[in-house]
Amino acid sequence: MSPEQLVKLNKLSQLFEEGVAGAEQIKELSELLSEINHLHEDPLLNSISPTR
């Protein structure tokens, strides 16, 4: 996970914790998690920069 992704995840997490997240934040979270999972599962990227 990149530093930018971590910042975005923390901001979205805060909105959900406060109970003020709406449809747009749900969409953003879904897209962000998809990006993170894609990077995590990419064998080429994992061989260059392992996340585990």
PDB file of N, CA and C in Angstrom:
ATOM      1  N   MET A   1       0.862  -1.172   0.000  1.00  0.00           N
ATOM      2  CA  MET A   1       0.000   0.000   0.000  1.00  0.00           C
ATOM      3  C   MET A   1       0.907   1.233   0.000  1.00  0.00           C
ATOM      4  N   SER A   2       0.585   2.144  -0.871  1.00  0.00           N
ATOM      5  CA  SER A   2       1.374   3.373  -0.959  1.00  0.00           C
ATOM      6  C   SER A   2       1.003   4.321   0.183  1.00  0.00           C
ATOM      7  N   PRO A   3       1.883   5.270   0.476  1.00  0.00           N
ATOM      8  CA  PRO A   3       1.551   6.256   1.520  1.00  0.00           C
ATOM      9  C   PRO A   3       0.281   7.038   1.190  1.00  0.00           C
ATOM     10  N   GLU A   4       0.070   7.331  -0.083  1.00  0.00           N
ATOM     11  CA  GLU A   4      -1.133   8.062  -0.489  1.00  0.00           C
ATOM     12  C   GLU A   4      -2.386   7.233  -0.238  1.00  0.00           C
ATOM     13  N   GLN A   5      -2.296   5.947  -0.537  1.00  0.00           N
ATOM     14  CA  GLN A   5      -3.440   5.064  -0.307  1.00  0.00           C
ATOM     15  C   GLN A   5      -3.741   4.945   1.185  1.00  0.00           C
ATOM     16  N   LEU A   6      -2.700   4.892   1.996  1.00  0.00           N
ATOM     17  CA  LEU A   6      -2.894   4.801   3.434  1.00  0.00           C
ATOM     18  C   LEU A   6      -3.583   6.054   3.975  1.00  0.00           C
ATOM     19  N   VAL A   7      -3.173   7.226   3.497  1.00  0.00           N
ATOM     20  CA  VAL A   7      -3.804   8.479   3.931  1.00  0.00           C
ATOM     21  C   VAL A   7      -5.281   8.478   3.547  1.00  0.00           C
ATOM     22  N   LYS A   8      -5.566   8.079   2.304  1.00  0.00           N
ATOM     23  CA  LYS A   8      -6.955   8.055   1.840  1.00  0.00           C
ATOM     24  C   LYS A   8      -7.784   7.055   2.652  1.00  0.00           C
ATOM     25  N   LEU A   9      -7.197   5.895   2.933  1.00  0.00           N
ATOM     26  CA  LEU A   9      -7.901   4.879   3.717  1.00  0.00           C
ATOM     27  C   LEU A   9      -8.197   5.396   5.128  1.00  0.00           C
ATOM     28  N   ASN A  10      -7.236   6.080   5.728  1.00  0.00           N
ATOM     29  CA  ASN A  10      -7.450   6.633   7.073  1.00  0.00           C
ATOM     30  C   ASN A  10      -8.560   7.683   7.074  1.00  0.00           C
ATOM     31  N   LYS A  11      -8.589   8.540   6.054  1.00  0.00           N
ATOM     32  CA  LYS A  11      -9.634   9.569   5.975  1.00  0.00           C
ATOM     33  C   LYS A  11     -11.011   8.935   5.799  1.00  0.00           C
ATOM     34  N   LEU A  12     -11.092   7.937   4.916  1.00  0.00           N
ATOM     35  CA  LEU A  12     -12.371   7.256   4.708  1.00  0.00           C
ATOM     36  C   LEU A  12     -12.795   6.511   5.969  1.00  0.00           C
ATOM     37  N   SER A  13     -11.853   5.878   6.621  1.00  0.00           N
ATOM     38  CA  SER A  13     -12.148   5.154   7.851  1.00  0.00           C
ATOM     39  C   SER A  13     -12.751   6.087   8.897  1.00  0.00           C
ATOM     40  N   GLN A  14     -12.196   7.266   9.007  1.00  0.00           N
ATOM     41  CA  GLN A  14     -12.699   8.238   9.972  1.00  0.00           C
ATOM     42  C   GLN A  14     -14.150   8.615   9.667  1.00  0.00           C
ATOM     43  N   LEU A  15     -14.452   8.821   8.395  1.00  0.00           N
ATOM     44  CA  LEU A  15     -15.817   9.168   8.005  1.00  0.00           C
ATOM     45  C   LEU A  15     -16.793   8.047   8.361  1.00  0.00           C
ATOM     46  N   PHE A  16     -16.366   6.801   8.140  1.00  0.00           N
ATOM     47  CA  PHE A  16     -17.230   5.671   8.482  1.00  0.00           C
ATOM     48  C   PHE A  16     -17.414   5.562   9.990  1.00  0.00           C
ATOM     49  N   GLU A  17     -16.346   5.769  10.745  1.00  0.00           N
ATOM     50  CA  GLU A  17     -16.439   5.711  12.203  1.00  0.00           C
ATOM     51  C   GLU A  17     -17.392   6.778  12.744  1.00  0.00           C
ATOM     52  N   GLU A  18     -17.388   7.945  12.114  1.00  0.00           N
ATOM     53  CA  GLU A  18     -18.251   9.040  12.550  1.00  0.00           C
ATOM     54  C   GLU A  18     -19.688   8.869  12.070  1.00  0.00           C
ATOM     55  N   GLY A  19     -19.901   7.902  11.190  1.00  0.00           N
ATOM     56  CA  GLY A  19     -21.239   7.650  10.680  1.00  0.00           C
ATOM     57  C   GLY A  19     -21.714   8.648   9.646  1.00  0.00           C
ATOM     58  N   VAL A  20     -20.771   9.349   9.014  1.00  0.00           N
ATOM     59  CA  VAL A  20     -21.154  10.374   8.042  1.00  0.00           C
ATOM     60  C   VAL A  20     -20.795   9.992   6.604  1.00  0.00           C
ATOM     61  N   ALA A  21     -20.292   8.779   6.406  1.00  0.00           N
ATOM     62  CA  ALA A  21     -19.942   8.343   5.057  1.00  0.00           C
ATOM     63  C   ALA A  21     -21.205   8.108   4.244  1.00  0.00           C
ATOM     64  N   GLY A  22     -21.161   8.540   3.002  1.00  0.00           N
ATOM     65  CA  GLY A  22     -22.295   8.360   2.108  1.00  0.00           C
ATOM     66  C   GLY A  22     -21.924   7.476   0.927  1.00  0.00           C
ATOM     67  N   ALA A  23     -22.762   7.510  -0.078  1.00  0.00           N
ATOM     68  CA  ALA A  23     -22.568   6.668  -1.257  1.00  0.00           C
ATOM     69  C   ALA A  23     -21.228   6.948  -1.948  1.00  0.00           C
ATOM     70  N   GLU A  24     -20.833   8.207  -2.005  1.00  0.00           N
ATOM     71  CA  GLU A  24     -19.566   8.553  -2.671  1.00  0.00           C
ATOM     72  C   GLU A  24     -18.371   7.956  -1.917  1.00  0.00           C
ATOM     73  N   GLN A  25     -18.419   7.986  -0.595  1.00  0.00           N
ATOM     74  CA  GLN A  25     -17.322   7.429   0.188  1.00  0.00           C
ATOM     75  C   GLN A  25     -17.292   5.903   0.085  1.00  0.00           C
ATOM     76  N   ILE A  26     -18.450   5.291  -0.010  1.00  0.00           N
ATOM     77  CA  ILE A  26     -18.506   3.838  -0.201  1.00  0.00           C
ATOM     78  C   ILE A  26     -17.855   3.484  -1.529  1.00  0.00           C
ATOM     79  N   LYS A  27     -18.171   4.258  -2.560  1.00  0.00           N
ATOM     80  CA  LYS A  27     -17.563   4.032  -3.874  1.00  0.00           C
ATOM     81  C   LYS A  27     -16.051   4.229  -3.808  1.00  0.00           C
ATOM     82  N   GLU A  28     -15.594   5.293  -3.149  1.00  0.00           N
ATOM     83  CA  GLU A  28     -14.159   5.553  -3.027  1.00  0.00           C
ATOM     84  C   GLU A  28     -13.458   4.407  -2.296  1.00  0.00           C
ATOM     85  N   LEU A  29     -14.073   3.929  -1.214  1.00  0.00           N
ATOM     86  CA  LEU A  29     -13.482   2.840  -0.446  1.00  0.00           C
ATOM     87  C   LEU A  29     -13.396   1.574  -1.295  1.00  0.00           C
ATOM     88  N   SER A  30     -14.438   1.280  -2.026  1.00  0.00           N
ATOM     89  CA  SER A  30     -14.451   0.106  -2.889  1.00  0.00           C
ATOM     90  C   SER A  30     -13.338   0.183  -3.935  1.00  0.00           C
ATOM     91  N   GLU A  31     -13.189   1.341  -4.560  1.00  0.00           N
ATOM     92  CA  GLU A  31     -12.149   1.524  -5.571  1.00  0.00           C
ATOM     93  C   GLU A  31     -10.757   1.426  -4.955  1.00  0.00           C
ATOM     94  N   LEU A  32     -10.588   2.028  -3.794  1.00  0.00           N
ATOM     95  CA  LEU A  32      -9.295   1.990  -3.111  1.00  0.00           C
ATOM     96  C   LEU A  32      -8.916   0.565  -2.741  1.00  0.00           C
ATOM     97  N   LEU A  33      -9.855  -0.176  -2.169  1.00  0.00           N
ATOM     98  CA  LEU A  33      -9.570  -1.563  -1.794  1.00  0.00           C
ATOM     99  C   LEU A  33      -9.273  -2.419  -3.020  1.00  0.00           C
ATOM    100  N   SER A  34      -9.940  -2.133  -4.120  1.00  0.00           N
ATOM    101  CA  SER A  34      -9.677  -2.849  -5.361  1.00  0.00           C
ATOM    102  C   SER A  34      -8.249  -2.585  -5.838  1.00  0.00           C
ATOM    103  N   GLU A  35      -7.823  -1.332  -5.781  1.00  0.00           N
ATOM    104  CA  GLU A  35      -6.452  -0.973  -6.161  1.00  0.00           C
ATOM    105  C   GLU A  35      -5.443  -1.691  -5.268  1.00  0.00           C
ATOM    106  N   ILE A  36      -5.684  -1.655  -3.972  1.00  0.00           N
ATOM    107  CA  ILE A  36      -4.766  -2.272  -3.017  1.00  0.00           C
ATOM    108  C   ILE A  36      -4.689  -3.769  -3.261  1.00  0.00           C
ATOM    109  N   ASN A  37      -5.833  -4.418  -3.433  1.00  0.00           N
ATOM    110  CA  ASN A  37      -5.853  -5.865  -3.671  1.00  0.00           C
ATOM    111  C   ASN A  37      -5.189  -6.219  -4.985  1.00  0.00           C
ATOM    112  N   HIS A  38      -5.376  -5.406  -6.007  1.00  0.00           N
ATOM    113  CA  HIS A  38      -4.763  -5.667  -7.308  1.00  0.00           C
ATOM    114  C   HIS A  38      -3.243  -5.618  -7.184  1.00  0.00           C
ATOM    115  N   LEU A  39      -2.722  -4.619  -6.501  1.00  0.00           N
ATOM    116  CA  LEU A  39      -1.273  -4.509  -6.319  1.00  0.00           C
ATOM    117  C   LEU A  39      -0.744  -5.673  -5.494  1.00  0.00           C
ATOM    118  N   HIS A  40      -1.513  -6.062  -4.496  1.00  0.00           N
ATOM    119  CA  HIS A  40      -1.096  -7.145  -3.618  1.00  0.00           C
ATOM    120  C   HIS A  40      -1.037  -8.474  -4.368  1.00  0.00           C
ATOM    121  N   GLU A  41      -1.892  -8.668  -5.357  1.00  0.00           N
ATOM    122  CA  GLU A  41      -1.981  -9.941  -6.071  1.00  0.00           C
ATOM    123  C   GLU A  41      -1.122  -9.985  -7.329  1.00  0.00           C
ATOM    124  N   ASP A  42      -0.535  -8.868  -7.746  1.00  0.00           N
ATOM    125  CA  ASP A  42       0.242  -8.814  -8.983  1.00  0.00           C
ATOM    126  C   ASP A  42       1.612  -9.470  -8.764  1.00  0.00           C
ATOM    127  N   PRO A  43       1.875 -10.631  -9.382  1.00  0.00           N
ATOM    128  CA  PRO A  43       3.129 -11.349  -9.137  1.00  0.00           C
ATOM    129  C   PRO A  43       4.371 -10.539  -9.536  1.00  0.00           C
ATOM    130  N   LEU A  44       4.292  -9.787 -10.617  1.00  0.00           N
ATOM    131  CA  LEU A  44       5.440  -8.999 -11.052  1.00  0.00           C
ATOM    132  C   LEU A  44       5.776  -7.934 -10.018  1.00  0.00           C
ATOM    133  N   LEU A  45       4.769  -7.219  -9.563  1.00  0.00           N
ATOM    134  CA  LEU A  45       5.011  -6.195  -8.553  1.00  0.00           C
ATOM    135  C   LEU A  45       5.487  -6.819  -7.246  1.00  0.00           C
ATOM    136  N   ASN A  46       4.939  -7.955  -6.889  1.00  0.00           N
ATOM    137  CA  ASN A  46       5.359  -8.620  -5.658  1.00  0.00           C
ATOM    138  C   ASN A  46       6.804  -9.089  -5.733  1.00  0.00           C
ATOM    139  N   SER A  47       7.260  -9.487  -6.928  1.00  0.00           N
ATOM    140  CA  SER A  47       8.641  -9.929  -7.053  1.00  0.00           C
ATOM    141  C   SER A  47       9.610  -8.752  -6.983  1.00  0.00           C
ATOM    142  N   ILE A  48       9.138  -7.571  -7.381  1.00  0.00           N
ATOM    143  CA  ILE A  48       9.976  -6.376  -7.332  1.00  0.00           C
ATOM    144  C   ILE A  48       9.948  -5.768  -5.934  1.00  0.00           C
ATOM    145  N   SER A  49       8.753  -5.679  -5.357  1.00  0.00           N
ATOM    146  CA  SER A  49       8.576  -5.043  -4.051  1.00  0.00           C
ATOM    147  C   SER A  49       7.606  -5.865  -3.223  1.00  0.00           C
ATOM    148  N   PRO A  50       8.102  -6.900  -2.558  1.00  0.00           N
ATOM    149  CA  PRO A  50       7.195  -7.769  -1.784  1.00  0.00           C
ATOM    150  C   PRO A  50       6.464  -7.016  -0.685  1.00  0.00           C
ATOM    151  N   THR A  51       5.192  -7.363  -0.513  1.00  0.00           N
ATOM    152  CA  THR A  51       4.386  -6.739   0.533  1.00  0.00           C
ATOM    153  C   THR A  51       4.226  -7.669   1.718  1.00  0.00           C
ATOM    154  N   ARG A  52       4.740  -8.863   1.610  1.00  0.00           N
ATOM    155  CA  ARG A  52       4.610  -9.832   2.710  1.00  0.00           C
ATOM    156  C   ARG A  52       5.942 -10.050   3.370  1.00  0.00           C
TER     157      ARG A  52
END
